[in-house]
Protein backbone atom coordinates (compact mmCIF):
# COMPACT_ATOMS: atom_id res chain seq x y z
CA MET A 1 73.74 101.94 101.33
CA THR A 2 70.01 102.03 101.70
CA SER A 3 68.25 105.13 99.95
CA ILE A 4 65.06 104.56 101.91
CA ASP A 5 64.07 107.94 104.36
CA ALA A 6 63.24 106.70 107.78
CA ARG A 7 60.89 109.04 107.92
CA ASP A 8 59.05 107.02 105.39
CA VAL A 9 58.44 104.02 107.90
CA PRO A 10 55.16 104.20 109.81
CA ALA A 11 54.71 103.24 113.51
CA ASP A 12 55.87 99.86 114.19
CA THR A 13 52.34 97.71 114.46
CA THR A 14 52.94 95.23 117.41
CA SER A 15 54.37 98.24 119.58
CA THR A 16 51.06 100.20 118.51
CA GLU A 17 48.54 97.42 119.64
CA ARG A 18 51.05 95.98 122.72
CA LEU A 19 50.99 99.91 124.35
CA ALA A 20 47.23 100.76 123.27
CA GLY A 21 46.05 97.59 125.06
CA ALA A 22 47.85 99.30 127.99
CA GLY A 23 45.80 102.55 127.56
CA LEU A 24 49.07 104.59 126.05
CA ASP A 25 48.90 106.29 122.30
CA TYR A 26 52.71 105.10 120.25
CA ARG A 27 52.85 107.19 116.68
CA VAL A 28 55.14 109.05 114.44
CA VAL A 29 54.84 113.09 116.00
CA ASP A 30 54.46 115.14 113.40
CA LEU A 31 56.99 118.06 113.55
CA SER A 32 55.70 120.09 111.74
CA ASP A 33 52.73 120.96 114.16
CA ASP A 34 54.39 123.30 116.19
CA ALA A 35 52.23 122.07 119.26
CA SER A 36 53.43 118.48 118.53
CA ALA A 37 56.92 119.16 117.33
CA SER A 38 57.38 121.60 120.95
CA GLY A 39 55.93 119.15 123.40
CA PHE A 40 57.99 116.22 121.85
CA GLU A 41 61.29 118.76 122.29
CA ARG A 42 60.26 119.03 125.83
CA ALA A 43 59.95 115.75 126.65
CA VAL A 44 63.30 114.93 125.37
CA ASP A 45 65.05 117.55 127.33
CA ARG A 46 63.10 116.55 131.03
CA GLY A 47 64.18 112.97 129.90
CA PHE A 48 67.19 114.18 129.77
CA LEU A 49 67.18 116.12 133.10
CA GLY A 50 67.95 119.04 130.98
CA PRO A 51 66.99 122.55 131.98
CA GLU A 52 63.26 123.71 130.54
CA PRO A 53 64.03 125.06 127.07
CA THR A 54 63.77 128.52 125.69
CA SER A 55 62.06 129.24 122.17
CA ASP A 56 65.31 130.03 120.25
CA MET A 57 66.70 126.51 121.79
CA LEU A 58 63.15 124.83 120.51
CA ALA A 59 63.72 125.67 117.19
CA GLN A 60 67.93 125.05 117.11
CA VAL A 61 66.67 121.16 118.05
CA ARG A 62 64.07 121.09 115.34
CA LYS A 63 65.97 121.68 112.71
CA THR A 64 68.11 118.26 113.73
CA PHE A 65 64.75 116.47 114.52
CA ALA A 66 62.80 117.27 111.31
CA GLU A 67 65.40 115.19 109.68
CA ARG A 68 64.34 112.65 111.98
CA ARG A 69 61.74 109.75 112.30
CA ASN A 70 60.47 110.94 115.62
CA VAL A 71 58.28 108.70 117.75
CA GLY A 72 56.38 109.37 121.49
CA VAL A 73 54.24 107.57 123.51
CA TYR A 74 51.13 109.51 124.91
CA GLU A 75 48.62 108.88 127.56
CA LYS A 76 45.10 108.63 125.64
CA ASN A 77 42.93 111.14 123.87
CA ALA A 78 45.82 113.60 125.06
CA PRO A 79 45.84 116.68 123.05
CA ALA A 80 48.25 117.72 120.28
CA ALA A 81 50.25 120.15 122.79
CA ALA A 82 50.82 117.49 125.30
CA LEU A 83 53.94 115.96 126.20
CA PRO A 84 54.82 112.15 125.48
CA VAL A 85 55.82 110.05 128.46
CA ALA A 86 58.38 108.54 125.68
CA THR A 87 60.59 109.26 123.42
CA ILE A 88 62.84 108.18 120.81
CA ASP A 89 63.84 108.74 117.59
CA GLY A 90 65.48 107.19 114.28
CA TRP A 91 67.37 107.74 111.04
CA ILE A 92 69.48 105.91 108.43
CA THR A 93 72.80 107.22 108.12
CA PRO A 94 75.87 105.31 106.63
CA LEU A 95 78.35 103.50 109.13
CA THR A 96 82.27 102.75 108.01
CA VAL A 97 83.14 99.84 108.98
CA PRO A 98 86.42 97.52 108.29
CA GLY A 99 88.44 97.56 105.48
CA GLY A 100 86.65 101.49 104.98
CA ALA A 101 83.59 101.62 102.97
CA GLU A 102 79.79 102.01 104.54
CA ILE A 103 76.99 100.41 105.54
CA GLY A 104 73.44 101.87 106.25
CA MET A 105 72.55 101.77 109.68
CA TRP A 106 69.31 102.64 111.85
CA ALA A 107 70.72 105.57 114.25
CA ILE A 108 68.73 105.69 117.41
CA SER A 109 68.22 108.17 120.00
CA VAL A 110 66.94 110.60 122.50
CA VAL A 111 65.42 107.10 124.37
CA THR A 112 63.48 108.48 127.21
CA VAL A 113 60.43 107.64 129.18
CA ALA A 114 58.83 109.48 131.98
CA ALA A 115 60.31 108.73 135.34
CA THR A 116 55.58 108.42 136.43
CA HIS A 117 55.76 105.69 133.25
CA ARG A 118 58.42 103.49 134.47
CA ARG A 119 57.94 99.49 134.53
CA ARG A 120 55.06 99.85 132.01
CA GLY A 121 56.87 98.38 129.04
CA ILE A 122 57.70 101.55 127.71
CA ALA A 123 60.83 100.89 126.78
CA ARG A 124 60.63 97.48 125.49
CA ALA A 125 58.22 98.82 123.05
CA LEU A 126 60.56 101.96 121.81
CA LEU A 127 63.45 99.77 121.58
CA GLU A 128 61.94 96.52 119.39
CA GLY A 129 59.85 98.74 117.63
CA GLU A 130 62.76 100.57 116.26
CA LEU A 131 64.21 97.56 115.26
CA ARG A 132 61.43 96.14 113.50
CA ALA A 133 61.13 99.33 111.53
CA ALA A 134 64.58 99.22 110.29
CA ALA A 135 64.61 95.22 109.66
CA SER A 136 61.29 96.01 107.52
CA ALA A 137 63.59 98.99 105.64
CA GLY A 138 66.27 96.57 104.52
CA VAL A 139 68.49 98.60 107.08
CA ALA A 140 71.33 95.68 108.10
CA ILE A 141 72.42 97.02 111.60
CA ALA A 142 70.68 99.40 114.05
CA GLY A 143 73.38 101.29 116.41
CA LEU A 144 73.15 104.08 119.84
CA THR A 145 75.35 105.63 122.19
CA VAL A 146 73.32 105.37 125.21
CA SER A 147 73.81 106.91 129.11
CA GLU A 148 72.80 103.94 130.60
CA ALA A 149 75.27 100.39 130.04
CA THR A 150 72.53 97.73 131.45
CA ILE A 151 69.25 98.25 129.39
CA TYR A 152 70.45 97.22 126.05
CA GLY A 153 72.29 94.16 125.52
CA ARG A 154 68.14 92.44 126.41
CA TYR A 155 67.57 93.87 122.46
CA GLY A 156 70.69 92.55 121.47
CA PHE A 157 73.81 95.51 121.31
CA GLY A 158 76.49 95.20 122.04
CA ALA A 159 79.39 97.73 123.26
CA ALA A 160 80.94 97.54 120.00
CA ILE A 161 83.24 101.19 119.97
CA PRO A 162 85.07 101.50 123.24
CA VAL A 163 86.40 104.83 123.68
CA ALA A 164 88.67 106.73 125.84
CA ARG A 165 88.63 109.90 127.74
CA HIS A 166 92.52 111.30 129.26
CA THR A 167 93.22 113.93 131.55
CA VAL A 168 96.63 115.39 131.31
CA GLU A 169 98.50 117.08 134.07
CA THR A 170 100.03 119.23 131.70
CA ARG A 171 103.03 120.37 133.85
CA ARG A 172 104.01 116.82 134.77
CA ALA A 173 103.46 115.23 130.86
CA GLY A 174 105.34 118.17 129.20
CA TRP A 175 105.80 117.75 125.40
CA SER A 176 108.17 115.37 123.54
CA GLY A 177 106.13 115.61 119.91
CA PRO A 178 106.85 116.90 116.63
CA THR A 179 106.73 120.39 116.15
CA PRO A 180 104.73 120.13 112.26
CA THR A 181 105.69 122.68 110.26
CA GLY A 182 101.88 124.12 109.29
CA THR A 183 100.16 127.32 111.01
CA LEU A 184 97.36 126.53 114.06
CA GLU A 185 95.09 129.93 113.78
CA TYR A 186 91.99 131.06 116.59
CA ILE A 187 88.92 131.44 114.05
CA ASP A 188 85.52 132.54 114.77
CA ARG A 189 82.34 129.87 116.17
CA GLU A 190 80.37 130.12 112.84
CA THR A 191 83.60 129.35 111.23
CA LEU A 192 84.46 127.12 113.91
CA ALA A 193 81.55 125.12 113.16
CA ALA A 194 81.78 124.43 109.33
CA ASP A 195 85.30 123.52 109.77
CA LEU A 196 84.41 120.73 112.59
CA GLY A 197 81.91 119.85 109.73
CA ALA A 198 84.47 119.57 106.97
CA VAL A 199 87.13 118.06 108.49
CA HIS A 200 85.39 115.01 110.30
CA GLU A 201 83.56 114.73 107.23
CA ARG A 202 86.61 113.80 105.08
CA ALA A 203 88.60 111.78 107.96
CA ARG A 204 85.62 109.80 109.34
CA GLY A 205 86.18 107.08 106.88
CA ARG A 206 89.79 106.19 108.00
CA ALA A 207 88.34 104.05 111.67
CA SER A 208 85.33 101.77 111.72
CA GLY A 209 82.48 102.62 113.64
CA GLN A 210 82.27 106.92 112.41
CA ILE A 211 79.01 108.17 110.94
CA PRO A 212 78.87 111.30 109.84
CA GLY A 213 77.60 114.49 112.16
CA TRP A 214 75.14 117.13 111.22
CA GLU A 215 74.67 120.62 111.61
CA GLY A 216 73.38 121.50 114.75
CA ARG A 217 75.81 119.05 116.35
CA TRP A 218 78.65 121.23 114.92
CA GLU A 219 77.12 124.49 116.07
CA GLY A 220 76.61 123.07 119.81
CA TYR A 221 80.33 122.06 119.73
CA ALA A 222 80.98 125.54 117.99
CA GLY A 223 78.63 127.48 121.09
CA VAL A 224 76.54 128.64 117.75
CA ALA A 225 73.52 127.15 118.71
CA PRO A 226 71.66 128.80 122.16
CA THR A 227 72.66 126.32 124.98
CA PRO A 228 73.44 127.53 127.80
CA ASP A 229 77.41 126.93 127.53
CA ARG A 230 77.63 129.12 124.13
CA ASP A 231 79.62 131.32 125.44
CA GLN A 232 82.52 129.18 126.06
CA ALA A 233 83.51 127.60 123.02
CA ARG A 234 86.37 128.41 121.24
CA GLY A 235 88.39 126.85 118.22
CA VAL A 236 91.64 126.28 116.65
CA ARG A 237 92.31 125.34 113.16
CA TYR A 238 95.71 123.89 111.74
CA ARG A 239 96.26 124.21 108.02
CA ASP A 240 99.45 122.26 106.70
CA GLU A 241 102.66 123.58 104.53
CA ASP A 242 100.42 124.21 101.46
CA GLY A 243 97.59 125.82 103.42
CA ALA A 244 95.77 123.38 103.33
CA LEU A 245 92.98 122.78 106.02
CA ARG A 246 93.58 119.47 107.87
CA GLY A 247 92.72 119.99 111.79
CA VAL A 248 90.54 121.65 113.91
CA MET A 249 89.42 121.67 117.36
CA ALA A 250 86.57 123.09 119.79
CA TYR A 251 86.92 123.61 123.23
CA THR A 252 86.41 125.55 126.71
CA VAL A 253 88.54 126.48 129.56
CA GLY A 254 87.32 127.53 132.99
CA GLU A 255 89.25 128.57 136.11
CA ALA A 256 89.88 125.24 137.99
CA THR A 257 90.98 125.75 141.20
CA GLY A 258 90.29 129.54 142.15
CA THR A 259 94.14 130.53 141.36
CA PHE A 260 94.09 131.53 138.37
CA ARG A 261 95.09 128.74 137.24
CA PHE A 262 92.61 126.57 134.44
CA ARG A 263 91.49 123.80 132.82
CA MET A 264 90.67 122.97 129.34
CA ASP A 265 88.07 120.55 127.80
CA VAL A 266 87.90 119.38 124.38
CA ARG A 267 84.36 119.55 123.02
CA LEU A 268 86.43 117.64 119.89
CA LEU A 269 89.60 117.40 117.76
CA VAL A 270 89.27 116.22 114.00
CA ALA A 271 92.38 115.88 112.42
CA GLU A 272 93.33 114.26 108.94
CA THR A 273 97.13 114.10 109.49
CA ALA A 274 99.15 112.77 112.09
CA ASP A 275 100.58 116.63 111.81
CA ALA A 276 97.41 118.11 112.66
CA ARG A 277 96.48 115.43 115.49
CA ALA A 278 99.92 116.22 116.99
CA ALA A 279 100.03 120.38 115.92
CA LEU A 280 96.68 120.71 118.19
CA TRP A 281 97.63 118.67 120.98
CA ARG A 282 100.65 120.61 121.16
CA PHE A 283 98.33 123.48 121.51
CA ALA A 284 96.50 121.98 124.25
CA LEU A 285 99.07 120.90 126.12
CA GLN A 286 101.08 123.51 126.12
CA HIS A 287 98.71 126.19 126.35
CA ASP A 288 99.64 129.18 128.89
CA LEU A 289 97.78 128.80 132.31
CA VAL A 290 96.10 125.67 131.51
CA ASP A 291 97.41 122.53 134.27
CA GLU A 292 94.78 120.49 132.93
CA VAL A 293 93.12 119.17 129.53
CA VAL A 294 90.30 116.53 129.22
CA ALA A 295 89.29 115.01 126.19
CA ASP A 296 86.92 112.29 126.45
CA LEU A 297 85.42 110.02 123.31
CA ARG A 298 89.05 109.65 121.52
CA PRO A 299 90.12 106.03 120.23
CA ILE A 300 91.88 103.93 122.29
CA ASP A 301 94.71 104.44 119.62
CA ASP A 302 95.33 107.40 119.66
CA PRO A 303 99.09 108.15 119.94
CA LEU A 304 99.12 111.20 122.67
CA PRO A 305 100.34 109.30 126.12
CA TRP A 306 103.28 108.95 123.33
CA LEU A 307 103.28 112.32 122.36
CA VAL A 308 104.52 113.77 125.89
CA HIS A 309 107.62 113.49 127.77
CA ASP A 310 105.87 111.54 130.96
CA THR A 311 103.22 109.35 130.04
CA ARG A 312 102.48 109.12 133.82
CA GLY A 313 100.54 112.39 133.30
CA VAL A 314 98.44 111.71 130.97
CA LYS A 315 95.07 109.50 132.46
CA GLN A 316 93.29 107.09 130.63
CA GLU A 317 89.55 105.68 131.08
CA VAL A 318 88.49 103.20 128.67
CA HIS A 319 85.04 103.33 128.26
CA ASP A 320 81.71 101.93 126.30
CA HIS A 321 80.21 104.32 123.92
CA GLY A 322 79.06 103.19 120.31
CA TRP A 323 76.57 99.83 120.47
CA LEU A 324 75.85 97.93 117.28
CA ARG A 325 73.07 95.51 117.03
CA ILE A 326 73.03 93.42 113.79
CA LEU A 327 69.86 92.72 112.07
CA ASP A 328 70.24 90.92 108.76
CA LEU A 329 73.64 88.81 109.27
CA PRO A 330 74.60 88.47 105.85
CA THR A 331 74.41 91.84 105.07
CA ALA A 332 76.45 93.29 108.07
CA LEU A 333 79.13 90.35 107.73
CA THR A 334 79.78 90.94 104.02
CA ALA A 335 80.02 94.63 103.96
CA ARG A 336 82.65 94.53 105.93
CA GLN A 337 87.15 93.47 105.52
CA TYR A 338 88.66 91.25 107.54
CA SER A 339 91.93 90.75 108.91
CA ALA A 340 92.59 87.01 108.06
CA PRO A 341 90.65 84.11 106.35
CA ILE A 342 88.49 82.03 108.67
CA ASP A 343 85.74 79.24 107.49
CA THR A 344 83.97 78.85 110.41
CA VAL A 345 80.25 77.82 111.55
CA LEU A 346 78.32 80.18 113.63
CA ARG A 347 75.73 79.47 116.10
CA VAL A 348 74.04 82.58 116.18
CA GLU A 349 70.71 83.06 119.25
CA ASP A 350 68.61 85.90 118.55
CA SER A 351 65.67 85.94 120.86
CA LEU A 352 64.03 88.85 118.79
CA GLY A 353 64.58 86.66 115.91
CA PHE A 354 66.41 88.75 113.08
CA THR A 355 69.90 86.84 113.38
CA ASN A 356 69.14 83.56 114.72
CA GLY A 357 70.10 80.68 113.22
CA ASP A 358 73.64 78.57 112.37
CA TRP A 359 75.52 80.39 109.67
CA ARG A 360 78.60 79.38 107.76
CA LEU A 361 81.38 82.62 107.53
CA ARG A 362 83.97 82.45 104.88
CA VAL A 363 87.09 84.76 104.49
CA ASP A 364 89.28 84.56 101.27
CA ASP A 365 93.19 85.48 101.58
CA ASP A 366 91.61 89.18 100.22
CA GLY A 367 89.68 89.62 103.70
CA ILE A 368 85.82 89.34 101.26
CA ALA A 369 83.15 87.51 103.07
CA THR A 370 80.84 85.03 102.14
CA VAL A 371 77.91 84.15 104.29
CA ASP A 372 75.55 81.34 103.78
CA ALA A 373 72.77 79.38 106.24
CA ALA A 374 75.05 76.56 107.15
CA ASP A 375 74.14 73.44 105.99
CA GLU A 376 71.46 70.97 108.19
CA GLY A 377 73.03 69.28 110.81
CA ALA A 378 76.19 71.51 110.12
CA GLU A 379 78.28 71.24 113.61
CA ALA A 380 78.69 74.62 115.15
CA ASP A 381 82.37 75.94 115.61
CA ILE A 382 81.51 79.31 117.81
CA THR A 383 78.30 79.82 119.77
CA LEU A 384 77.40 83.05 120.39
CA ASP A 385 74.48 85.66 121.59
CA VAL A 386 73.70 88.07 118.80
CA SER A 387 74.98 90.82 121.59
CA MET A 388 78.19 89.26 121.33
CA LEU A 389 78.89 89.19 117.73
CA SER A 390 77.32 92.85 117.43
CA ALA A 391 79.51 93.69 120.10
CA LEU A 392 82.77 92.23 117.78
CA TYR A 393 81.61 93.52 114.43
CA ALA A 394 83.62 96.88 114.63
CA GLY A 395 86.83 95.10 114.99
CA GLY A 396 87.40 96.29 118.39
CA VAL A 397 86.56 94.41 120.54
CA ARG A 398 88.52 90.81 120.84
CA ALA A 399 87.05 87.68 120.70
CA THR A 400 89.58 85.79 123.20
CA THR A 401 88.40 88.95 126.13
CA LEU A 402 84.26 87.53 125.39
CA HIS A 403 85.64 84.15 125.37
CA GLY A 404 87.20 84.36 128.66
CA ALA A 405 84.55 85.85 130.32
CA GLY A 406 82.44 83.04 129.81
CA ARG A 407 80.25 84.94 126.68
CA ILE A 408 81.16 82.98 123.52
CA THR A 409 81.05 78.90 123.67
CA ALA A 410 84.13 78.01 121.16
CA SER A 411 87.44 75.90 121.19
CA PRO A 412 89.92 78.13 121.59
CA ALA A 413 91.61 77.89 118.86
CA ALA A 414 87.98 78.98 117.45
CA VAL A 415 88.61 82.08 118.64
CA GLU A 416 91.68 82.57 118.24
CA ALA A 417 90.57 82.08 114.62
CA PHE A 418 87.82 84.14 114.57
CA ASP A 419 89.74 86.76 116.66
CA ARG A 420 92.57 87.49 113.92
CA ALA A 421 89.66 87.32 111.59
CA LEU A 422 87.21 90.19 113.00
CA ILE A 423 90.30 92.37 114.31
CA SER A 424 90.13 96.07 112.37
CA PHE A 425 93.34 98.65 111.84
CA PRO A 426 93.05 100.94 112.85
CA ALA A 427 91.36 101.17 115.95
CA PRO A 428 87.46 101.72 115.42
CA SER A 429 85.92 104.77 116.95
CA LEU A 430 83.41 107.07 117.32
CA ASP A 431 83.63 110.60 118.23
CA ILE A 432 80.29 112.00 118.45
CA TRP A 433 77.65 111.64 120.51
CA TYR A 434 74.39 110.61 118.90
């Protein structure tokens, strides 16, 4: 994985020049300056329709933003304390890929454009600027989680990591799973934040699509951070028979119907073992006075529906979550393992030019890939846009599905072989927003 710090990468010159022509200043924000930092953070909250942040909230988020490369777009000659009209930030983080290895990913977050500055090319400058910055740093793939799903495909991102939202009617569902022999215990908020981070870091290498969390993320889930709903946070952890910490869950409860019946919202459930996961689910579903349990960002192969007596008591809604964008095709495709051998020529269409061309992908019987530029004049077996290849990368989206939707051009046999090679086990997962 690259050791480059994203904060050392300068502002993209193409985006700088493009926005300068529109009377706007595109620059990396100096968060060591209090006025600049406060303006940037307040603009992010405004962009996501959040409340005006308090001084404590600004100090909390600055701990996170200080570790990232923050870019703002300003009106020309705006004072240091001015709020930018657009924001974005990025950092380089490990991404777990199929087979359990890691690749450096340029993570993108806090993409906002003020409602007063729509349709001026700002979003394009922000996204393309981040991609050019990542490529210049030698990072092979970029990723983000999105609030709107119709924007990012035009920049080559694909919805690669689907997740499930589970809504459980606890009285109907019941419980038919095991009763693990370890122990459950309530924990205070500071312990909850620490345990979430510890277990997540140990468990994230088990499924492709995961990235590390950070201190501010855990403090937010645990109610340590000064957020409006901090007092609702609760936590419980599971220790195995040997006393080792194997699982932890952060959640909130709220009265649902006005009749002293409650809904539990699972903020995050992380587990290293099947016993830990079952014990935490059992705690949630059998909790006194709780009629409904809601948990989002769960892997699509979560065993929850098979742990209950009546599976119709568990509603599953699958939706997009993690989006990826390949920038260096040979590096990205050789970083992961494959589930079946293949020898195929890919014709990749990339309007931004990062991966455009014909590529020969060869995978041996051990799942190890080599990728080279295809011989001149070689006939392509599979033709697809980089956004579709990026969607397939983590192994959770089926090539046959995209082919059926007309997003891949190939023979049925070529698509089936591609599908068998790319699928990953277990299913990819991403249980946090970033």
